[in-house]
C-alpha atoms as a PDB file:
ATOM      1  CA  MET A   1      -7.609 -46.194  16.788  1.00  0.00           C
ATOM      2  CA  PRO A   2      -7.155 -42.395  16.715  1.00  0.00           C
ATOM      3  CA  PRO A   3      -7.817 -40.506  19.962  1.00  0.00           C
ATOM      4  CA  THR A   4     -11.398 -39.323  20.533  1.00  0.00           C
ATOM      5  CA  LEU A   5     -11.737 -35.528  20.825  1.00  0.00           C
ATOM      6  CA  ASN A   6     -15.239 -35.393  22.288  1.00  0.00           C
ATOM      7  CA  LEU A   7     -16.451 -33.237  19.417  1.00  0.00           C
ATOM      8  CA  PRO A   8     -20.133 -32.750  18.598  1.00  0.00           C
ATOM      9  CA  GLN A   9     -21.343 -34.529  15.487  1.00  0.00           C
ATOM     10  CA  ALA A  10     -21.391 -32.390  12.353  1.00  0.00           C
ATOM     11  CA  ALA A  11     -24.904 -31.186  11.513  1.00  0.00           C
ATOM     12  CA  ARG A  12     -26.662 -32.660   8.498  1.00  0.00           C
ATOM     13  CA  ARG A  13     -27.649 -29.228   7.128  1.00  0.00           C
ATOM     14  CA  SER A  14     -24.155 -28.580   5.755  1.00  0.00           C
ATOM     15  CA  LEU A  15     -21.504 -31.129   6.540  1.00  0.00           C
ATOM     16  CA  VAL A  16     -18.652 -29.104   5.044  1.00  0.00           C
ATOM     17  CA  ASP A  17     -19.645 -25.920   6.884  1.00  0.00           C
ATOM     18  CA  SER A  18     -20.044 -27.824  10.131  1.00  0.00           C
ATOM     19  CA  ALA A  19     -16.674 -29.532   9.690  1.00  0.00           C
ATOM     20  CA  ILE A  20     -15.045 -26.154   9.022  1.00  0.00           C
ATOM     21  CA  GLU A  21     -16.611 -24.761  12.190  1.00  0.00           C
ATOM     22  CA  LEU A  22     -15.470 -27.729  14.289  1.00  0.00           C
ATOM     23  CA  ILE A  23     -11.907 -27.517  12.978  1.00  0.00           C
ATOM     24  CA  ARG A  24     -11.890 -23.749  13.460  1.00  0.00           C
ATOM     25  CA  THR A  25     -13.047 -24.202  17.066  1.00  0.00           C
ATOM     26  CA  GLN A  26     -10.109 -26.504  17.823  1.00  0.00           C
ATOM     27  CA  ILE A  27      -7.760 -23.808  16.515  1.00  0.00           C
ATOM     28  CA  GLU A  28      -9.420 -20.782  18.134  1.00  0.00           C
ATOM     29  CA  THR A  29      -9.579 -22.447  21.546  1.00  0.00           C
ATOM     30  CA  GLY A  30      -5.880 -23.339  21.364  1.00  0.00           C
ATOM     31  CA  ARG A  31      -6.322 -27.095  21.274  1.00  0.00           C
ATOM     32  CA  TRP A  32      -4.457 -27.054  17.961  1.00  0.00           C
ATOM     33  CA  LYS A  33      -1.785 -24.368  18.189  1.00  0.00           C
ATOM     34  CA  VAL A  34      -0.079 -22.396  15.434  1.00  0.00           C
ATOM     35  CA  GLY A  35       2.668 -24.540  13.929  1.00  0.00           C
ATOM     36  CA  ALA A  36       1.105 -27.806  15.065  1.00  0.00           C
ATOM     37  CA  ARG A  37       0.210 -30.578  12.635  1.00  0.00           C
ATOM     38  CA  ILE A  38      -3.464 -31.474  12.785  1.00  0.00           C
ATOM     39  CA  PRO A  39      -4.701 -35.094  12.658  1.00  0.00           C
ATOM     40  CA  LYS A  40      -4.580 -36.868   9.326  1.00  0.00           C
ATOM     41  CA  GLU A  41      -7.579 -36.924   6.997  1.00  0.00           C
ATOM     42  CA  ALA A  42      -8.832 -40.353   8.071  1.00  0.00           C
ATOM     43  CA  GLU A  43      -8.485 -39.467  11.756  1.00  0.00           C
ATOM     44  CA  LEU A  44     -10.320 -36.182  11.241  1.00  0.00           C
ATOM     45  CA  ALA A  45     -13.134 -37.940   9.417  1.00  0.00           C
ATOM     46  CA  GLU A  46     -13.643 -40.277  12.357  1.00  0.00           C
ATOM     47  CA  MET A  47     -13.321 -37.520  14.963  1.00  0.00           C
ATOM     48  CA  LEU A  48     -15.828 -35.289  13.154  1.00  0.00           C
ATOM     49  CA  GLN A  49     -18.028 -38.229  12.118  1.00  0.00           C
ATOM     50  CA  VAL A  50     -18.079 -37.149   8.469  1.00  0.00           C
ATOM     51  CA  GLY A  51     -16.711 -38.558   5.236  1.00  0.00           C
ATOM     52  CA  ARG A  52     -13.159 -38.018   4.047  1.00  0.00           C
ATOM     53  CA  ASN A  53     -14.389 -35.945   1.092  1.00  0.00           C
ATOM     54  CA  THR A  54     -16.055 -33.581   3.551  1.00  0.00           C
ATOM     55  CA  VAL A  55     -12.835 -33.285   5.545  1.00  0.00           C
ATOM     56  CA  ARG A  56     -10.849 -32.708   2.369  1.00  0.00           C
ATOM     57  CA  GLU A  57     -13.143 -29.865   1.302  1.00  0.00           C
ATOM     58  CA  ALA A  58     -13.099 -28.280   4.780  1.00  0.00           C
ATOM     59  CA  VAL A  59      -9.305 -28.352   4.825  1.00  0.00           C
ATOM     60  CA  ARG A  60      -9.228 -26.870   1.320  1.00  0.00           C
ATOM     61  CA  VAL A  61     -11.424 -23.944   2.404  1.00  0.00           C
ATOM     62  CA  LEU A  62      -9.346 -23.246   5.518  1.00  0.00           C
ATOM     63  CA  SER A  63      -6.129 -23.552   3.512  1.00  0.00           C
ATOM     64  CA  HIS A  64      -7.439 -20.979   1.038  1.00  0.00           C
ATOM     65  CA  ALA A  65      -8.159 -18.707   4.016  1.00  0.00           C
ATOM     66  CA  LYS A  66      -4.519 -19.189   5.151  1.00  0.00           C
ATOM     67  CA  VAL A  67      -5.676 -20.741   8.432  1.00  0.00           C
ATOM     68  CA  LEU A  68      -4.184 -24.120   7.482  1.00  0.00           C
ATOM     69  CA  GLU A  69      -1.164 -24.993   5.362  1.00  0.00           C
ATOM     70  CA  VAL A  70      -1.052 -28.282   3.473  1.00  0.00           C
ATOM     71  CA  ARG A  71       2.491 -29.593   3.040  1.00  0.00           C
ATOM     72  CA  GLN A  72       2.529 -32.340   0.469  1.00  0.00           C
ATOM     73  CA  GLY A  73       3.993 -35.567   1.841  1.00  0.00           C
ATOM     74  CA  ASP A  74       4.164 -34.138   5.353  1.00  0.00           C
ATOM     75  CA  GLY A  75       0.730 -33.140   6.640  1.00  0.00           C
ATOM     76  CA  THR A  76      -1.508 -30.158   7.349  1.00  0.00           C
ATOM     77  CA  TYR A  77      -0.372 -27.501   9.807  1.00  0.00           C
ATOM     78  CA  VAL A  78      -2.066 -24.650  11.639  1.00  0.00           C
ATOM     79  CA  ARG A  79      -0.914 -21.369  10.141  1.00  0.00           C
ATOM     80  CA  LEU A  80      -3.213 -18.847  11.876  1.00  0.00           C
ATOM     81  CA  ASN A  81      -5.164 -19.130  15.099  1.00  0.00           C
ATOM     82  CA  VAL A  82      -7.964 -16.945  13.720  1.00  0.00           C
ATOM     83  CA  ASP A  83      -9.856 -17.027  10.428  1.00  0.00           C
ATOM     84  CA  PRO A  84     -10.018 -13.423   9.119  1.00  0.00           C
ATOM     85  CA  ALA A  85     -13.011 -14.179   6.910  1.00  0.00           C
ATOM     86  CA  GLU A  86     -14.925 -15.675   9.826  1.00  0.00           C
ATOM     87  CA  VAL A  87     -14.087 -12.705  12.055  1.00  0.00           C
ATOM     88  CA  MET A  88     -15.469 -10.290   9.465  1.00  0.00           C
ATOM     89  CA  ARG A  89     -18.530 -12.486   8.983  1.00  0.00           C
ATOM     90  CA  ARG A  90     -19.235 -12.216  12.699  1.00  0.00           C
ATOM     91  CA  VAL A  91     -18.704  -8.462  12.575  1.00  0.00           C
ATOM     92  CA  THR A  92     -21.052  -8.160   9.618  1.00  0.00           C
ATOM     93  CA  HIS A  93     -23.783 -10.071  11.477  1.00  0.00           C
ATOM     94  CA  ALA A  94     -23.479  -8.013  14.667  1.00  0.00           C
ATOM     95  CA  SER A  95     -26.266  -5.612  15.626  1.00  0.00           C
ATOM     96  CA  LEU A  96     -26.744  -2.164  14.111  1.00  0.00           C
ATOM     97  CA  ARG A  97     -25.742  -0.596  17.420  1.00  0.00           C
ATOM     98  CA  ASP A  98     -22.537  -2.620  17.524  1.00  0.00           C
ATOM     99  CA  HIS A  99     -21.768  -1.512  13.964  1.00  0.00           C
ATOM    100  CA  PHE A 100     -22.109   2.155  14.828  1.00  0.00           C
ATOM    101  CA  GLU A 101     -20.150   1.787  18.071  1.00  0.00           C
ATOM    102  CA  LEU A 102     -17.286   0.273  16.071  1.00  0.00           C
ATOM    103  CA  ARG A 103     -17.618   3.004  13.463  1.00  0.00           C
ATOM    104  CA  ALA A 104     -17.355   5.632  16.229  1.00  0.00           C
ATOM    105  CA  LEU A 105     -14.140   4.063  17.526  1.00  0.00           C
ATOM    106  CA  LEU A 106     -12.527   3.863  14.089  1.00  0.00           C
ATOM    107  CA  GLU A 107     -13.562   7.319  12.919  1.00  0.00           C
ATOM    108  CA  THR A 108     -12.554   9.009  16.158  1.00  0.00           C
ATOM    109  CA  GLU A 109      -9.036   7.598  16.000  1.00  0.00           C
ATOM    110  CA  ALA A 110      -8.784   8.225  12.240  1.00  0.00           C
ATOM    111  CA  ALA A 111      -9.695  11.898  12.677  1.00  0.00           C
ATOM    112  CA  ARG A 112      -7.300  12.296  15.616  1.00  0.00           C
ATOM    113  CA  ARG A 113      -4.382  10.947  13.605  1.00  0.00           C
ATOM    114  CA  ALA A 114      -5.356  12.951  10.529  1.00  0.00           C
ATOM    115  CA  ALA A 115      -5.185  16.183  12.523  1.00  0.00           C
ATOM    116  CA  THR A 116      -1.641  15.310  13.581  1.00  0.00           C
ATOM    117  CA  ARG A 117      -0.243  14.013  10.303  1.00  0.00           C
ATOM    118  CA  ARG A 118      -2.174  15.623   7.463  1.00  0.00           C
ATOM    119  CA  ASP A 119      -0.510  17.724   4.780  1.00  0.00           C
ATOM    120  CA  ALA A 120      -1.888  20.399   2.453  1.00  0.00           C
ATOM    121  CA  ASP A 121      -2.827  17.853  -0.215  1.00  0.00           C
ATOM    122  CA  ASP A 122      -4.825  15.856   2.334  1.00  0.00           C
ATOM    123  CA  VAL A 123      -6.822  18.939   3.333  1.00  0.00           C
ATOM    124  CA  ARG A 124      -7.489  19.806  -0.296  1.00  0.00           C
ATOM    125  CA  ARG A 125      -8.716  16.275  -0.996  1.00  0.00           C
ATOM    126  CA  LEU A 126     -10.966  16.290   2.079  1.00  0.00           C
ATOM    127  CA  GLU A 127     -12.509  19.584   0.945  1.00  0.00           C
ATOM    128  CA  GLU A 128     -13.204  18.155  -2.501  1.00  0.00           C
ATOM    129  CA  LEU A 129     -14.732  14.950  -1.160  1.00  0.00           C
ATOM    130  CA  LEU A 130     -16.819  16.817   1.397  1.00  0.00           C
ATOM    131  CA  ALA A 131     -18.247  19.035  -1.350  1.00  0.00           C
ATOM    132  CA  ALA A 132     -18.964  15.975  -3.492  1.00  0.00           C
ATOM    133  CA  ARG A 133     -20.663  14.238  -0.555  1.00  0.00           C
ATOM    134  CA  GLY A 134     -23.032  17.103   0.178  1.00  0.00           C
ATOM    135  CA  GLU A 135     -26.206  16.532   2.149  1.00  0.00           C
ATOM    136  CA  ARG A 136     -28.182  13.326   2.069  1.00  0.00           C
ATOM    137  CA  PRO A 137     -30.693  13.440  -0.797  1.00  0.00           C
ATOM    138  CA  GLN A 138     -34.311  13.510   0.313  1.00  0.00           C
ATOM    139  CA  ASP A 139     -35.024  11.048  -2.472  1.00  0.00           C
ATOM    140  CA  GLY A 140     -33.115   9.649  -5.387  1.00  0.00           C
ATOM    141  CA  ASP A 141     -29.579   8.291  -5.440  1.00  0.00           C
ATOM    142  CA  LEU A 142     -29.093   7.111  -1.863  1.00  0.00           C
ATOM    143  CA  ALA A 143     -26.579   4.429  -2.946  1.00  0.00           C
ATOM    144  CA  GLY A 144     -24.419   7.031  -4.670  1.00  0.00           C
ATOM    145  CA  PHE A 145     -24.534   9.240  -1.596  1.00  0.00           C
ATOM    146  CA  ILE A 146     -23.362   6.363   0.622  1.00  0.00           C
ATOM    147  CA  GLU A 147     -20.431   5.736  -1.727  1.00  0.00           C
ATOM    148  CA  ARG A 148     -19.437   9.407  -1.562  1.00  0.00           C
ATOM    149  CA  ASP A 149     -19.737   9.360   2.220  1.00  0.00           C
ATOM    150  CA  ILE A 150     -17.511   6.275   2.445  1.00  0.00           C
ATOM    151  CA  ALA A 151     -14.956   7.924   0.135  1.00  0.00           C
ATOM    152  CA  PHE A 152     -14.814  10.944   2.449  1.00  0.00           C
ATOM    153  CA  HIS A 153     -14.285   8.885   5.612  1.00  0.00           C
ATOM    154  CA  VAL A 154     -11.680   6.665   3.943  1.00  0.00           C
ATOM    155  CA  ALA A 155      -9.813   9.847   2.959  1.00  0.00           C
ATOM    156  CA  VAL A 156      -9.847  10.977   6.603  1.00  0.00           C
ATOM    157  CA  ALA A 157      -8.215   7.668   7.547  1.00  0.00           C
ATOM    158  CA  GLN A 158      -5.690   8.035   4.714  1.00  0.00           C
ATOM    159  CA  SER A 159      -4.732  11.484   6.003  1.00  0.00           C
ATOM    160  CA  GLY A 160      -3.576   9.846   9.237  1.00  0.00           C
ATOM    161  CA  GLY A 161      -0.863   7.895   7.438  1.00  0.00           C
ATOM    162  CA  ASN A 162      -1.676   4.521   9.010  1.00  0.00           C
ATOM    163  CA  ALA A 163      -2.101   1.933   6.246  1.00  0.00           C
ATOM    164  CA  ALA A 164      -3.535  -0.705   8.582  1.00  0.00           C
ATOM    165  CA  LEU A 165      -6.225   1.658   9.842  1.00  0.00           C
ATOM    166  CA  VAL A 166      -7.081   2.677   6.278  1.00  0.00           C
ATOM    167  CA  GLU A 167      -7.556  -0.911   5.130  1.00  0.00           C
ATOM    168  CA  LEU A 168      -9.505  -1.843   8.256  1.00  0.00           C
ATOM    169  CA  TYR A 169     -11.853   1.107   7.835  1.00  0.00           C
ATOM    170  CA  ARG A 170     -12.258   0.514   4.097  1.00  0.00           C
ATOM    171  CA  TYR A 171     -13.131  -3.146   4.629  1.00  0.00           C
ATOM    172  CA  PHE A 172     -15.432  -2.292   7.516  1.00  0.00           C
ATOM    173  CA  ALA A 173     -17.249   0.430   5.565  1.00  0.00           C
ATOM    174  CA  LEU A 174     -17.808  -1.743   2.506  1.00  0.00           C
ATOM    175  CA  ALA A 175     -18.741  -4.866   4.470  1.00  0.00           C
ATOM    176  CA  LEU A 176     -21.320  -2.936   6.492  1.00  0.00           C
ATOM    177  CA  HIS A 177     -22.749  -1.078   3.524  1.00  0.00           C
ATOM    178  CA  GLY A 178     -26.127  -2.675   4.221  1.00  0.00           C
ATOM    179  CA  SER A 179     -26.253  -1.392   7.788  1.00  0.00           C
ATOM    180  CA  THR A 180     -25.410   2.114   6.616  1.00  0.00           C
ATOM    181  CA  SER A 181     -28.168   1.939   4.013  1.00  0.00           C
ATOM    182  CA  ALA A 182     -30.653   0.737   6.628  1.00  0.00           C
ATOM    183  CA  ALA A 183     -29.757   3.580   8.985  1.00  0.00           C
ATOM    184  CA  LEU A 184     -30.049   6.239   6.300  1.00  0.00           C
ATOM    185  CA  ALA A 185     -33.314   4.817   4.996  1.00  0.00           C
ATOM    186  CA  ASP A 186     -34.780   4.864   8.512  1.00  0.00           C
ATOM    187  CA  ARG A 187     -36.041   8.408   8.910  1.00  0.00           C
ATOM    188  CA  THR A 188     -36.450   7.934  12.679  1.00  0.00           C
ATOM    189  CA  LEU A 189     -32.657   7.892  13.084  1.00  0.00           C
ATOM    190  CA  PRO A 190     -30.858  11.273  13.118  1.00  0.00           C
ATOM    191  CA  GLU A 191     -28.768  12.035  10.053  1.00  0.00           C
ATOM    192  CA  PRO A 192     -25.189  13.304  10.506  1.00  0.00           C
ATOM    193  CA  ASP A 193     -25.426  16.350   8.251  1.00  0.00           C
ATOM    194  CA  LEU A 194     -22.919  18.254   6.157  1.00  0.00           C
ATOM    195  CA  ALA A 195     -22.207  20.744   8.955  1.00  0.00           C
ATOM    196  CA  ALA A 196     -21.153  17.928  11.294  1.00  0.00           C
ATOM    197  CA  HIS A 197     -18.712  16.643   8.653  1.00  0.00           C
ATOM    198  CA  ARG A 198     -17.479  20.190   8.026  1.00  0.00           C
ATOM    199  CA  ARG A 199     -16.389  20.404  11.679  1.00  0.00           C
ATOM    200  CA  VAL A 200     -14.214  17.309  11.190  1.00  0.00           C
ATOM    201  CA  VAL A 201     -12.449  18.839   8.190  1.00  0.00           C
ATOM    202  CA  ASP A 202     -11.991  22.200   9.943  1.00  0.00           C
ATOM    203  CA  ALA A 203     -10.382  20.553  12.976  1.00  0.00           C
ATOM    204  CA  ILE A 204      -8.074  18.452  10.779  1.00  0.00           C
ATOM    205  CA  ARG A 205      -7.079  21.556   8.811  1.00  0.00           C
ATOM    206  CA  ASP A 206      -6.334  23.399  12.087  1.00  0.00           C
ATOM    207  CA  ARG A 207      -4.361  20.434  13.439  1.00  0.00           C
ATOM    208  CA  ASP A 208      -6.765  20.314  16.376  1.00  0.00           C
ATOM    209  CA  GLU A 209      -6.332  16.713  17.484  1.00  0.00           C
ATOM    210  CA  ALA A 210      -8.884  16.768  20.291  1.00  0.00           C
ATOM    211  CA  GLY A 211     -11.360  18.771  18.234  1.00  0.00           C
ATOM    212  CA  ALA A 212     -11.123  16.387  15.288  1.00  0.00           C
ATOM    213  CA  ALA A 213     -11.737  13.387  17.534  1.00  0.00           C
ATOM    214  CA  GLU A 214     -14.708  15.063  19.181  1.00  0.00           C
ATOM    215  CA  ALA A 215     -16.190  16.141  15.843  1.00  0.00           C
ATOM    216  CA  ALA A 216     -15.855  12.617  14.469  1.00  0.00           C
ATOM    217  CA  ARG A 217     -17.474  11.162  17.582  1.00  0.00           C
ATOM    218  CA  ALA A 218     -20.305  13.700  17.331  1.00  0.00           C
ATOM    219  CA  ILE A 219     -21.206  12.396  13.872  1.00  0.00           C
ATOM    220  CA  VAL A 220     -22.092   8.961  15.214  1.00  0.00           C
ATOM    221  CA  SER A 221     -23.229   9.785  18.757  1.00  0.00           C
ATOM    222  CA  PRO A 222     -26.789  10.921  17.863  1.00  0.00           C
ATOM    223  CA  ILE A 223     -27.438   7.636  16.038  1.00  0.00           C
ATOM    224  CA  LEU A 224     -26.107   5.623  18.990  1.00  0.00           C
ATOM    225  CA  ASP A 225     -28.247   7.667  21.390  1.00  0.00           C
ATOM    226  CA  ALA A 226     -31.325   7.005  19.243  1.00  0.00           C
ATOM    227  CA  LEU A 227     -30.633   3.273  19.121  1.00  0.00           C
ATOM    228  CA  GLU A 228     -30.188   3.167  22.895  1.00  0.00           C
ATOM    229  CA  ARG A 229     -33.363   5.205  23.439  1.00  0.00           C
ATOM    230  CA  ASP A 230     -35.466   3.006  21.156  1.00  0.00           C
ATOM    231  CA  GLY A 231     -34.334  -0.156  22.958  1.00  0.00           C
ATOM    232  CA  PRO A 232     -33.072  -3.610  21.909  1.00  0.00           C
ATOM    233  CA  ALA A 233     -35.418  -3.977  18.941  1.00  0.00           C
ATOM    234  CA  ALA A 234     -33.895  -0.922  17.266  1.00  0.00           C
ATOM    235  CA  ALA A 235     -30.326  -1.746  18.261  1.00  0.00           C
ATOM    236  CA  ASP A 236     -30.549  -5.273  16.890  1.00  0.00           C
ATOM    237  CA  ARG A 237     -32.114  -4.502  13.528  1.00  0.00           C
END
């Protein structure tokens, strides 16, 4: 008999999803460490109280996510102790306030680094993208405006010369596109205007590290203040 792991029974609503979550929990809590071989398919099926086909599909999904590694003839091993896709799913489902707090952190550091490391081509590109972004349209192509805004902020991150920060911001901006749309569509929230973005570019051009960070923070701060003022209902939407 395989050892009992005192795991909750997988929910009927989605046996594969529940099995994935239970396996992921064992890894994230450190019960199954990176490099360790997890129990065999039959043992997992009994531990999770699901069928072997369900276990097989759950392992396949986590292997595709690079969390598990299946070694033919040997077993299945833990490759990562965190599932990147699950982390981003949790980020995506966080509150609007949490989204903008994270955006403030990323954009502040991106602008600070851009002011230190930018070159003439970076400044020229920022000027072009800022002009293309313009002001938010009162009506019309809001989706196009959001894309231009994202392109501008990604370029700020690129000017800082940190590839990891660029990719993190790009993924974050695209994944949270819906939250950005909701904020811009909500006329009760203050809109960071063109002048606020101009101050970011000016500080980066002048190599003003502190000024660039402050200007970037000032873009998001009014929205955060409004969400705090309006209470939990606004922050969680």
